[in-house]
C-alpha cells in the first residue's frame, strides 16, 4: 500500500512516521530557541539585528552583481542605487546594532501582524481538521505581540525584540508540537 487516506481525507504515505519524527524534532528546537531568546533578550535582539545586517549586505551584493547583467543605463543605475542602500543599511546594523533595534522592533511588529493574519486565515482553511485551532491560537498570540510592540516602542526596544521574538518562537513551536501529535494520533487510528 503506497498511500492511504485517513478520516478527514488527509493523504498519508508509509514515510509519514519519519516526517512526524522530523516535525517533532523541529518543534522542540523551536521551543528551545524561544526559551533562550526570552532568557537573553538583549543578546537575541542584537543577534537579530546582526542577522538582518548580514541579509542586507547579501542583498546589496546581489544587486551589484545583477547590475553587471543589466544592459540598460537606467537599470544599471537603479541596481547600483539599491545595492548601495542595502549595503549601507547592513553596515549600519553591524556597527550600531542596538540603535538598529528600534527600527527592527517596528519591522518585527509588522512581521507578527502579517504572520498572525496568515495563521488565522490558515486556521479557517483547515478548520474541520482535528487540532487546527492551534493555528488560531498562534495567530492570536502574534496579534497580541504586535500590539505590545507598538505600545512600548521605542523605550523598550533593547529587550522587546528578543523577548517577543522568543515568545513567538515558543508558541510557534508549541503549536507545531500539538499539530504533529494530533496528526500522529490520526495516523495511529488509521493504521490500527
N, C-alpha and C. Protein backbone atom coordinates (compact mmCIF):
# COMPACT_ATOMS: atom_id res chain seq x y z
N UNK A 1 0.85 -1.18 0.00
CA UNK A 1 0.00 0.00 0.00
C UNK A 1 0.89 1.23 0.00
N UNK A 2 0.86 2.01 -1.08
CA UNK A 2 1.74 3.17 -1.19
C UNK A 2 1.17 4.41 -0.55
N UNK A 3 -0.12 4.54 -0.50
CA UNK A 3 -0.73 5.71 0.11
C UNK A 3 -2.14 5.33 0.54
N UNK A 4 -2.63 5.98 1.57
CA UNK A 4 -3.98 5.74 2.05
C UNK A 4 -4.53 7.02 2.63
N UNK A 5 -5.83 7.02 2.87
CA UNK A 5 -6.47 8.21 3.42
C UNK A 5 -6.95 7.93 4.82
N UNK A 6 -6.98 8.97 5.61
CA UNK A 6 -7.44 8.87 6.99
C UNK A 6 -8.80 9.52 7.09
N UNK A 7 -9.48 9.33 8.22
CA UNK A 7 -10.73 10.05 8.41
C UNK A 7 -10.43 11.54 8.32
N UNK A 8 -11.13 12.27 7.53
CA UNK A 8 -10.84 13.68 7.30
C UNK A 8 -10.05 13.86 6.01
N UNK A 9 -9.84 12.76 5.27
CA UNK A 9 -9.19 12.73 3.96
C UNK A 9 -7.82 13.39 3.92
N UNK A 10 -6.94 13.07 4.88
CA UNK A 10 -5.56 13.53 4.84
C UNK A 10 -4.73 12.39 4.25
N UNK A 11 -4.14 12.58 3.07
CA UNK A 11 -3.35 11.50 2.47
C UNK A 11 -2.07 11.27 3.27
N UNK A 12 -1.77 10.02 3.54
CA UNK A 12 -0.56 9.65 4.28
C UNK A 12 0.19 8.61 3.48
N UNK A 13 1.50 8.60 3.63
CA UNK A 13 2.32 7.61 2.95
C UNK A 13 3.06 6.80 4.00
N UNK A 14 3.70 5.71 3.58
CA UNK A 14 4.47 4.91 4.54
C UNK A 14 5.61 5.71 5.19
N UNK A 15 6.03 6.84 4.58
CA UNK A 15 7.10 7.65 5.15
C UNK A 15 6.58 8.66 6.17
N UNK A 16 5.28 8.71 6.39
CA UNK A 16 4.70 9.69 7.32
C UNK A 16 5.28 9.59 8.73
N UNK A 17 5.52 8.39 9.30
CA UNK A 17 6.11 8.36 10.64
C UNK A 17 7.47 9.07 10.72
N UNK A 18 8.28 8.99 9.66
CA UNK A 18 9.56 9.69 9.65
C UNK A 18 9.34 11.19 9.63
N UNK A 19 8.36 11.64 8.86
CA UNK A 19 8.04 13.07 8.80
C UNK A 19 7.57 13.56 10.16
N UNK A 20 6.81 12.74 10.88
CA UNK A 20 6.36 13.13 12.21
C UNK A 20 7.55 13.28 13.16
N UNK A 21 8.52 12.39 13.03
CA UNK A 21 9.71 12.49 13.87
C UNK A 21 10.48 13.77 13.61
N UNK A 22 10.64 14.12 12.34
CA UNK A 22 11.33 15.36 12.00
C UNK A 22 10.54 16.57 12.47
N UNK A 23 9.22 16.53 12.29
CA UNK A 23 8.38 17.65 12.72
C UNK A 23 8.44 17.82 14.23
N UNK A 24 8.45 16.72 14.95
CA UNK A 24 8.57 16.76 16.41
C UNK A 24 9.91 17.35 16.83
N UNK A 25 10.98 16.94 16.16
CA UNK A 25 12.32 17.47 16.46
C UNK A 25 12.40 18.97 16.20
N UNK A 26 11.84 19.40 15.06
CA UNK A 26 11.84 20.83 14.73
C UNK A 26 11.04 21.61 15.76
N UNK A 27 9.90 21.08 16.18
CA UNK A 27 9.07 21.76 17.18
C UNK A 27 9.84 21.95 18.49
N UNK A 28 10.55 20.92 18.93
CA UNK A 28 11.32 21.01 20.17
C UNK A 28 12.45 22.02 20.03
N UNK A 29 13.13 22.03 18.89
CA UNK A 29 14.21 23.01 18.66
C UNK A 29 13.67 24.44 18.65
N UNK A 30 12.51 24.65 18.04
CA UNK A 30 11.90 25.98 18.04
C UNK A 30 11.54 26.41 19.45
N UNK A 31 11.01 25.49 20.25
CA UNK A 31 10.66 25.80 21.65
C UNK A 31 11.92 26.16 22.44
N UNK A 32 12.99 25.40 22.27
CA UNK A 32 14.25 25.70 22.97
C UNK A 32 14.81 27.06 22.55
N UNK A 33 14.78 27.36 21.25
CA UNK A 33 15.25 28.66 20.77
C UNK A 33 14.41 29.77 21.38
N UNK A 34 13.11 29.55 21.54
CA UNK A 34 12.25 30.54 22.17
C UNK A 34 12.62 30.78 23.62
N UNK A 35 12.89 29.71 24.37
CA UNK A 35 13.31 29.86 25.77
C UNK A 35 14.61 30.65 25.89
N UNK A 36 15.59 30.32 25.05
CA UNK A 36 16.87 31.03 25.13
C UNK A 36 16.72 32.50 24.73
N UNK A 37 15.86 32.77 23.76
CA UNK A 37 15.63 34.14 23.35
C UNK A 37 14.96 34.95 24.47
N UNK A 38 14.06 34.34 25.21
CA UNK A 38 13.40 35.01 26.33
C UNK A 38 14.37 35.23 27.48
N UNK A 39 15.22 34.24 27.75
CA UNK A 39 16.17 34.35 28.86
C UNK A 39 17.26 35.39 28.60
N UNK A 40 17.63 35.57 27.34
CA UNK A 40 18.69 36.52 26.97
C UNK A 40 18.17 37.48 25.90
N UNK A 41 17.22 38.37 26.26
CA UNK A 41 16.57 39.19 25.23
C UNK A 41 17.50 40.17 24.53
N UNK A 42 18.43 40.79 25.26
CA UNK A 42 19.32 41.75 24.61
C UNK A 42 20.25 41.03 23.64
N UNK A 43 20.76 39.88 24.06
CA UNK A 43 21.64 39.10 23.19
C UNK A 43 20.90 38.65 21.94
N UNK A 44 19.68 38.15 22.12
CA UNK A 44 18.92 37.70 20.95
C UNK A 44 18.50 38.88 20.09
N UNK A 45 18.21 40.04 20.69
CA UNK A 45 17.88 41.23 19.91
C UNK A 45 19.05 41.69 19.07
N UNK A 46 20.24 41.69 19.66
CA UNK A 46 21.44 42.06 18.89
C UNK A 46 21.71 41.03 17.81
N UNK A 47 21.48 39.75 18.12
CA UNK A 47 21.67 38.70 17.10
C UNK A 47 20.71 38.91 15.93
N UNK A 48 19.47 39.30 16.23
CA UNK A 48 18.51 39.57 15.17
C UNK A 48 19.00 40.74 14.32
N UNK A 49 19.46 41.81 14.98
CA UNK A 49 19.96 42.98 14.24
C UNK A 49 21.14 42.60 13.35
N UNK A 50 22.05 41.78 13.86
CA UNK A 50 23.21 41.37 13.06
C UNK A 50 22.81 40.46 11.90
N UNK A 51 21.82 39.57 12.14
CA UNK A 51 21.36 38.70 11.05
C UNK A 51 20.70 39.52 9.95
N UNK A 52 19.91 40.51 10.32
CA UNK A 52 19.30 41.37 9.32
C UNK A 52 20.39 42.16 8.59
N UNK A 53 21.41 42.60 9.34
CA UNK A 53 22.53 43.30 8.72
C UNK A 53 23.22 42.43 7.67
N UNK A 54 23.48 41.17 8.00
CA UNK A 54 24.08 40.24 7.03
C UNK A 54 23.18 40.07 5.82
N UNK A 55 21.88 39.95 6.08
CA UNK A 55 20.93 39.81 4.98
C UNK A 55 20.98 41.02 4.05
N UNK A 56 21.00 42.22 4.64
CA UNK A 56 21.06 43.44 3.82
C UNK A 56 22.35 43.49 3.00
N UNK A 57 23.47 43.13 3.61
CA UNK A 57 24.74 43.12 2.87
C UNK A 57 24.67 42.12 1.71
N UNK A 58 24.10 40.96 1.96
CA UNK A 58 23.96 39.94 0.91
C UNK A 58 23.07 40.46 -0.22
N UNK A 59 21.93 41.05 0.13
CA UNK A 59 21.03 41.57 -0.90
C UNK A 59 21.70 42.72 -1.66
N UNK A 60 22.42 43.59 -0.96
CA UNK A 60 23.14 44.67 -1.63
C UNK A 60 24.15 44.14 -2.62
N UNK A 61 24.89 43.12 -2.21
CA UNK A 61 25.88 42.50 -3.09
C UNK A 61 25.20 41.89 -4.32
N UNK A 62 24.06 41.25 -4.12
CA UNK A 62 23.33 40.66 -5.24
C UNK A 62 22.85 41.74 -6.22
N UNK A 63 22.45 42.89 -5.68
CA UNK A 63 22.05 43.99 -6.58
C UNK A 63 23.24 44.47 -7.41
N UNK A 64 24.43 44.56 -6.80
CA UNK A 64 25.62 44.95 -7.55
C UNK A 64 25.93 43.93 -8.65
N UNK A 65 25.81 42.63 -8.31
CA UNK A 65 26.06 41.59 -9.31
C UNK A 65 25.02 41.63 -10.42
N UNK A 66 23.78 41.89 -10.06
CA UNK A 66 22.72 41.97 -11.08
C UNK A 66 22.92 43.18 -11.98
N UNK A 67 23.49 44.25 -11.41
CA UNK A 67 23.76 45.45 -12.22
C UNK A 67 24.71 45.12 -13.37
N UNK A 68 25.62 44.18 -13.14
CA UNK A 68 26.56 43.74 -14.18
C UNK A 68 25.80 43.11 -15.34
N UNK A 69 24.69 42.42 -15.03
CA UNK A 69 23.93 41.70 -16.05
C UNK A 69 22.88 42.58 -16.73
N UNK A 70 22.64 43.75 -16.20
CA UNK A 70 21.63 44.65 -16.77
C UNK A 70 22.24 45.40 -17.94
N UNK A 71 21.46 45.54 -19.00
CA UNK A 71 22.00 46.10 -20.24
C UNK A 71 21.56 47.54 -20.51
N UNK A 72 20.76 48.11 -19.64
CA UNK A 72 20.34 49.50 -19.85
C UNK A 72 20.97 50.39 -18.79
N UNK A 73 21.22 51.62 -19.15
CA UNK A 73 21.83 52.57 -18.21
C UNK A 73 20.93 52.80 -17.00
N UNK A 74 19.63 52.97 -17.26
CA UNK A 74 18.70 53.17 -16.16
C UNK A 74 18.64 51.97 -15.23
N UNK A 75 18.67 50.77 -15.79
CA UNK A 75 18.66 49.54 -14.99
C UNK A 75 19.91 49.41 -14.14
N UNK A 76 21.06 49.72 -14.75
CA UNK A 76 22.32 49.65 -14.00
C UNK A 76 22.30 50.65 -12.85
N UNK A 77 21.88 51.88 -13.13
CA UNK A 77 21.83 52.91 -12.09
C UNK A 77 20.90 52.50 -10.96
N UNK A 78 19.73 51.98 -11.31
CA UNK A 78 18.76 51.55 -10.30
C UNK A 78 19.34 50.43 -9.43
N UNK A 79 19.94 49.43 -10.04
CA UNK A 79 20.51 48.31 -9.28
C UNK A 79 21.66 48.76 -8.39
N UNK A 80 22.51 49.65 -8.88
CA UNK A 80 23.62 50.16 -8.07
C UNK A 80 23.09 50.97 -6.89
N UNK A 81 22.08 51.81 -7.13
CA UNK A 81 21.49 52.58 -6.02
C UNK A 81 20.86 51.68 -4.97
N UNK A 82 20.13 50.65 -5.40
CA UNK A 82 19.56 49.70 -4.44
C UNK A 82 20.66 48.96 -3.70
N UNK A 83 21.71 48.57 -4.41
CA UNK A 83 22.83 47.89 -3.77
C UNK A 83 23.47 48.75 -2.70
N UNK A 84 23.67 50.03 -3.01
CA UNK A 84 24.26 50.96 -2.02
C UNK A 84 23.34 51.11 -0.81
N UNK A 85 22.03 51.23 -1.06
CA UNK A 85 21.06 51.38 0.03
C UNK A 85 21.09 50.18 0.97
N UNK A 86 21.01 48.99 0.40
CA UNK A 86 21.06 47.78 1.22
C UNK A 86 22.39 47.63 1.93
N UNK A 87 23.47 47.90 1.23
CA UNK A 87 24.80 47.77 1.83
C UNK A 87 24.98 48.74 3.00
N UNK A 88 24.56 50.00 2.82
CA UNK A 88 24.66 50.98 3.91
C UNK A 88 23.78 50.58 5.10
N UNK A 89 22.58 50.09 4.81
CA UNK A 89 21.70 49.62 5.89
C UNK A 89 22.31 48.47 6.67
N UNK A 90 22.88 47.52 5.93
CA UNK A 90 23.53 46.39 6.59
C UNK A 90 24.73 46.80 7.42
N UNK A 91 25.57 47.70 6.88
CA UNK A 91 26.73 48.16 7.63
C UNK A 91 26.32 48.96 8.86
N UNK A 92 25.25 49.74 8.73
CA UNK A 92 24.75 50.49 9.90
C UNK A 92 24.34 49.51 11.01
N UNK A 93 23.66 48.44 10.64
CA UNK A 93 23.25 47.46 11.65
C UNK A 93 24.45 46.74 12.26
N UNK A 94 25.50 46.52 11.48
CA UNK A 94 26.71 45.91 12.02
C UNK A 94 27.37 46.80 13.07
N UNK A 95 27.50 48.09 12.74
CA UNK A 95 28.24 48.98 13.61
C UNK A 95 27.39 49.62 14.71
N UNK A 96 26.08 49.59 14.57
CA UNK A 96 25.17 50.17 15.57
C UNK A 96 23.99 49.23 15.81
N UNK A 97 24.25 48.00 16.27
CA UNK A 97 23.14 47.04 16.38
C UNK A 97 22.08 47.44 17.41
N UNK A 98 22.48 48.10 18.48
CA UNK A 98 21.49 48.48 19.49
C UNK A 98 20.59 49.60 18.96
N UNK A 99 21.18 50.59 18.29
CA UNK A 99 20.37 51.65 17.69
C UNK A 99 19.47 51.08 16.60
N UNK A 100 19.97 50.10 15.88
CA UNK A 100 19.16 49.46 14.84
C UNK A 100 18.00 48.66 15.40
N UNK A 101 18.07 48.30 16.69
CA UNK A 101 16.98 47.53 17.29
C UNK A 101 15.67 48.31 17.30
N UNK A 102 15.73 49.63 17.44
CA UNK A 102 14.49 50.42 17.45
C UNK A 102 13.74 50.25 16.13
N UNK A 103 14.47 50.34 15.02
CA UNK A 103 13.82 50.15 13.71
C UNK A 103 13.40 48.70 13.52
N UNK A 104 14.28 47.78 13.92
CA UNK A 104 13.95 46.38 13.75
C UNK A 104 12.74 45.98 14.60
N UNK A 105 12.57 46.64 15.74
CA UNK A 105 11.42 46.34 16.57
C UNK A 105 10.12 46.63 15.81
N UNK A 106 10.10 47.72 15.06
CA UNK A 106 8.92 48.01 14.24
C UNK A 106 8.74 46.98 13.13
N UNK A 107 9.85 46.56 12.52
CA UNK A 107 9.75 45.53 11.48
C UNK A 107 9.24 44.21 12.06
N UNK A 108 9.71 43.87 13.26
CA UNK A 108 9.26 42.64 13.91
C UNK A 108 7.76 42.74 14.21
N UNK A 109 7.31 43.93 14.62
CA UNK A 109 5.88 44.13 14.84
C UNK A 109 5.08 43.89 13.57
N UNK A 110 5.59 44.39 12.44
CA UNK A 110 4.92 44.16 11.16
C UNK A 110 4.94 42.67 10.80
N UNK A 111 6.05 42.00 11.08
CA UNK A 111 6.16 40.56 10.83
C UNK A 111 5.11 39.80 11.64
N UNK A 112 4.99 40.12 12.94
CA UNK A 112 4.00 39.44 13.77
C UNK A 112 2.58 39.71 13.28
N UNK A 113 2.32 40.92 12.82
CA UNK A 113 1.00 41.26 12.31
C UNK A 113 0.67 40.40 11.09
N UNK A 114 1.58 40.35 10.13
CA UNK A 114 1.34 39.57 8.91
C UNK A 114 1.26 38.08 9.23
N UNK A 115 2.16 37.60 10.09
CA UNK A 115 2.17 36.17 10.45
C UNK A 115 0.88 35.81 11.17
N UNK A 116 0.41 36.66 12.07
CA UNK A 116 -0.83 36.39 12.78
C UNK A 116 -2.02 36.30 11.85
N UNK A 117 -2.09 37.23 10.90
CA UNK A 117 -3.19 37.21 9.92
C UNK A 117 -3.14 35.94 9.07
N UNK A 118 -1.93 35.57 8.62
CA UNK A 118 -1.78 34.36 7.80
C UNK A 118 -2.16 33.12 8.60
N UNK A 119 -1.76 33.04 9.87
CA UNK A 119 -2.10 31.88 10.70
C UNK A 119 -3.62 31.77 10.90
N UNK A 120 -4.28 32.91 11.10
CA UNK A 120 -5.73 32.89 11.29
C UNK A 120 -6.43 32.46 10.00
N UNK A 121 -5.97 32.97 8.85
CA UNK A 121 -6.53 32.54 7.57
C UNK A 121 -6.31 31.05 7.37
N UNK A 122 -5.11 30.57 7.71
CA UNK A 122 -4.80 29.14 7.60
C UNK A 122 -5.71 28.32 8.49
N UNK A 123 -6.01 28.82 9.69
CA UNK A 123 -6.95 28.14 10.59
C UNK A 123 -8.30 27.95 9.91
N UNK A 124 -8.82 29.00 9.27
CA UNK A 124 -10.13 28.90 8.63
C UNK A 124 -10.09 27.94 7.43
N UNK A 125 -8.94 27.81 6.79
CA UNK A 125 -8.81 26.84 5.69
C UNK A 125 -8.77 25.41 6.20
N UNK A 126 -8.18 25.19 7.37
CA UNK A 126 -8.04 23.84 7.93
C UNK A 126 -9.04 23.53 9.03
N UNK A 127 -9.97 24.42 9.29
CA UNK A 127 -10.84 24.33 10.45
C UNK A 127 -11.48 22.96 10.68
N UNK A 128 -11.94 22.24 9.68
CA UNK A 128 -12.56 20.97 10.03
C UNK A 128 -11.57 19.93 10.55
N UNK A 129 -10.29 20.15 10.35
CA UNK A 129 -9.28 19.17 10.76
C UNK A 129 -9.03 19.24 12.27
N UNK A 130 -8.80 18.09 12.83
CA UNK A 130 -8.51 17.99 14.26
C UNK A 130 -7.21 18.71 14.60
N UNK A 131 -7.23 19.57 15.60
CA UNK A 131 -6.04 20.28 16.05
C UNK A 131 -5.77 21.58 15.33
N UNK A 132 -6.62 21.95 14.36
CA UNK A 132 -6.35 23.17 13.60
C UNK A 132 -6.52 24.44 14.44
N UNK A 133 -7.23 24.34 15.56
CA UNK A 133 -7.44 25.54 16.39
C UNK A 133 -6.14 26.04 16.99
N UNK A 134 -5.08 25.22 16.98
CA UNK A 134 -3.78 25.70 17.45
C UNK A 134 -3.24 26.80 16.54
N UNK A 135 -3.60 26.76 15.27
CA UNK A 135 -3.19 27.82 14.35
C UNK A 135 -3.86 29.14 14.72
N UNK A 136 -5.14 29.06 15.10
CA UNK A 136 -5.84 30.26 15.55
C UNK A 136 -5.19 30.81 16.80
N UNK A 137 -4.85 29.94 17.73
CA UNK A 137 -4.18 30.34 18.96
C UNK A 137 -2.86 31.03 18.66
N UNK A 138 -2.06 30.44 17.77
CA UNK A 138 -0.77 31.02 17.39
C UNK A 138 -0.97 32.38 16.72
N UNK A 139 -1.95 32.49 15.84
CA UNK A 139 -2.22 33.76 15.17
C UNK A 139 -2.65 34.84 16.14
N UNK A 140 -3.50 34.51 17.10
CA UNK A 140 -3.94 35.50 18.09
C UNK A 140 -2.79 35.95 18.97
N UNK A 141 -1.90 35.03 19.35
CA UNK A 141 -0.72 35.40 20.14
C UNK A 141 0.14 36.39 19.34
N UNK A 142 0.33 36.13 18.06
CA UNK A 142 1.12 37.04 17.23
C UNK A 142 0.48 38.42 17.15
N UNK A 143 -0.84 38.50 17.06
CA UNK A 143 -1.51 39.81 17.02
C UNK A 143 -1.36 40.54 18.36
N UNK A 144 -1.41 39.81 19.47
CA UNK A 144 -1.19 40.43 20.79
C UNK A 144 0.24 40.95 20.89
N UNK A 145 1.21 40.18 20.39
CA UNK A 145 2.60 40.62 20.41
C UNK A 145 2.79 41.88 19.57
N UNK A 146 2.06 41.98 18.46
CA UNK A 146 2.12 43.19 17.63
C UNK A 146 1.69 44.41 18.44
N UNK A 147 0.59 44.28 19.16
CA UNK A 147 0.11 45.39 19.99
C UNK A 147 1.11 45.75 21.07
N UNK A 148 1.72 44.74 21.72
CA UNK A 148 2.72 45.01 22.76
C UNK A 148 3.92 45.76 22.21
N UNK A 149 4.35 45.41 21.02
CA UNK A 149 5.49 46.10 20.41
C UNK A 149 5.15 47.56 20.16
N UNK A 150 4.01 47.79 19.55
CA UNK A 150 3.67 49.16 19.16
C UNK A 150 3.39 50.05 20.37
N UNK A 151 2.88 49.48 21.46
CA UNK A 151 2.61 50.28 22.66
C UNK A 151 3.89 50.65 23.41
N UNK A 152 4.91 49.81 23.38
CA UNK A 152 6.10 50.06 24.18
C UNK A 152 7.25 50.68 23.39
N UNK A 153 7.07 50.88 22.11
CA UNK A 153 8.16 51.39 21.27
C UNK A 153 8.32 52.88 21.48
N UNK A 154 9.53 53.47 21.48
CA UNK A 154 10.86 52.90 21.32
C UNK A 154 11.57 52.65 22.64
N UNK A 155 10.95 53.00 23.77
CA UNK A 155 11.64 52.94 25.06
C UNK A 155 12.22 51.56 25.37
N UNK A 156 11.52 50.53 25.05
CA UNK A 156 11.96 49.19 25.44
C UNK A 156 12.48 48.36 24.27
N UNK A 157 12.93 49.01 23.22
CA UNK A 157 13.39 48.27 22.04
C UNK A 157 14.57 47.35 22.33
N UNK A 158 15.37 47.70 23.34
CA UNK A 158 16.56 46.89 23.64
C UNK A 158 16.19 45.48 24.08
N UNK A 159 15.04 45.32 24.73
CA UNK A 159 14.67 43.98 25.18
C UNK A 159 13.44 43.44 24.48
N UNK A 160 12.63 44.30 23.88
CA UNK A 160 11.37 43.84 23.29
C UNK A 160 11.61 42.89 22.12
N UNK A 161 12.53 43.23 21.23
CA UNK A 161 12.72 42.41 20.03
C UNK A 161 13.06 40.97 20.41
N UNK A 162 14.05 40.79 21.27
CA UNK A 162 14.45 39.43 21.65
C UNK A 162 13.38 38.69 22.44
N UNK A 163 12.74 39.40 23.38
CA UNK A 163 11.72 38.75 24.21
C UNK A 163 10.50 38.35 23.39
N UNK A 164 9.99 39.27 22.59
CA UNK A 164 8.79 38.96 21.82
C UNK A 164 9.07 37.95 20.72
N UNK A 165 10.24 38.02 20.14
CA UNK A 165 10.60 37.01 19.15
C UNK A 165 10.67 35.64 19.81
N UNK A 166 11.23 35.60 21.04
CA UNK A 166 11.29 34.35 21.78
C UNK A 166 9.91 33.81 22.11
N UNK A 167 9.00 34.70 22.51
CA UNK A 167 7.63 34.28 22.81
C UNK A 167 6.97 33.72 21.56
N UNK A 168 7.16 34.41 20.44
CA UNK A 168 6.59 33.92 19.19
C UNK A 168 7.16 32.55 18.83
N UNK A 169 8.48 32.39 18.97
CA UNK A 169 9.08 31.08 18.71
C UNK A 169 8.51 30.01 19.62
N UNK A 170 8.34 30.35 20.89
CA UNK A 170 7.81 29.41 21.86
C UNK A 170 6.41 28.94 21.46
N UNK A 171 5.54 29.87 21.13
CA UNK A 171 4.18 29.49 20.75
C UNK A 171 4.13 28.81 19.39
N UNK A 172 4.97 29.22 18.46
CA UNK A 172 5.02 28.55 17.17
C UNK A 172 5.49 27.10 17.33
N UNK A 173 6.51 26.90 18.15
CA UNK A 173 7.00 25.55 18.41
C UNK A 173 5.95 24.70 19.11
N UNK A 174 5.25 25.30 20.07
CA UNK A 174 4.22 24.57 20.80
C UNK A 174 3.06 24.22 19.86
N UNK A 175 2.66 25.15 18.99
CA UNK A 175 1.60 24.88 18.02
C UNK A 175 2.01 23.75 17.08
N UNK A 176 3.25 23.80 16.61
CA UNK A 176 3.74 22.74 15.72
C UNK A 176 3.76 21.40 16.44
N UNK A 177 4.17 21.41 17.70
CA UNK A 177 4.20 20.19 18.50
C UNK A 177 2.80 19.60 18.63
N UNK A 178 1.81 20.43 18.94
CA UNK A 178 0.44 19.95 19.12
C UNK A 178 -0.14 19.43 17.79
N UNK A 179 0.12 20.13 16.69
CA UNK A 179 -0.35 19.65 15.39
C UNK A 179 0.31 18.33 15.01
N UNK A 180 1.59 18.18 15.30
CA UNK A 180 2.29 16.94 14.99
C UNK A 180 1.74 15.79 15.81
N UNK A 181 1.52 16.02 17.10
CA UNK A 181 0.96 14.96 17.95
C UNK A 181 -0.45 14.59 17.53
N UNK A 182 -1.22 15.59 17.10
CA UNK A 182 -2.58 15.33 16.61
C UNK A 182 -2.53 14.50 15.34
N UNK A 183 -1.63 14.85 14.42
CA UNK A 183 -1.50 14.09 13.17
C UNK A 183 -1.03 12.67 13.45
N UNK A 184 -0.16 12.52 14.43
CA UNK A 184 0.32 11.17 14.78
C UNK A 184 -0.83 10.32 15.33
N UNK A 185 -1.71 10.92 16.13
CA UNK A 185 -2.88 10.18 16.64
C UNK A 185 -3.78 9.74 15.48
N UNK A 186 -3.95 10.62 14.49
CA UNK A 186 -4.78 10.28 13.34
C UNK A 186 -4.14 9.13 12.57
N UNK A 187 -2.83 9.14 12.39
CA UNK A 187 -2.12 8.07 11.69
C UNK A 187 -2.27 6.76 12.46
N UNK A 188 -2.12 6.82 13.77
CA UNK A 188 -2.25 5.61 14.59
C UNK A 188 -3.65 5.03 14.49
N UNK A 189 -4.66 5.90 14.52
CA UNK A 189 -6.05 5.44 14.42
C UNK A 189 -6.34 4.85 13.04
N UNK A 190 -5.74 5.44 12.01
CA UNK A 190 -5.99 4.98 10.64
C UNK A 190 -5.32 3.64 10.35
N UNK A 191 -4.18 3.40 10.98
CA UNK A 191 -3.45 2.15 10.71
C UNK A 191 -3.82 1.04 11.66
N UNK A 192 -4.59 1.36 12.68
CA UNK A 192 -4.98 0.33 13.67
C UNK A 192 -6.10 -0.55 13.17
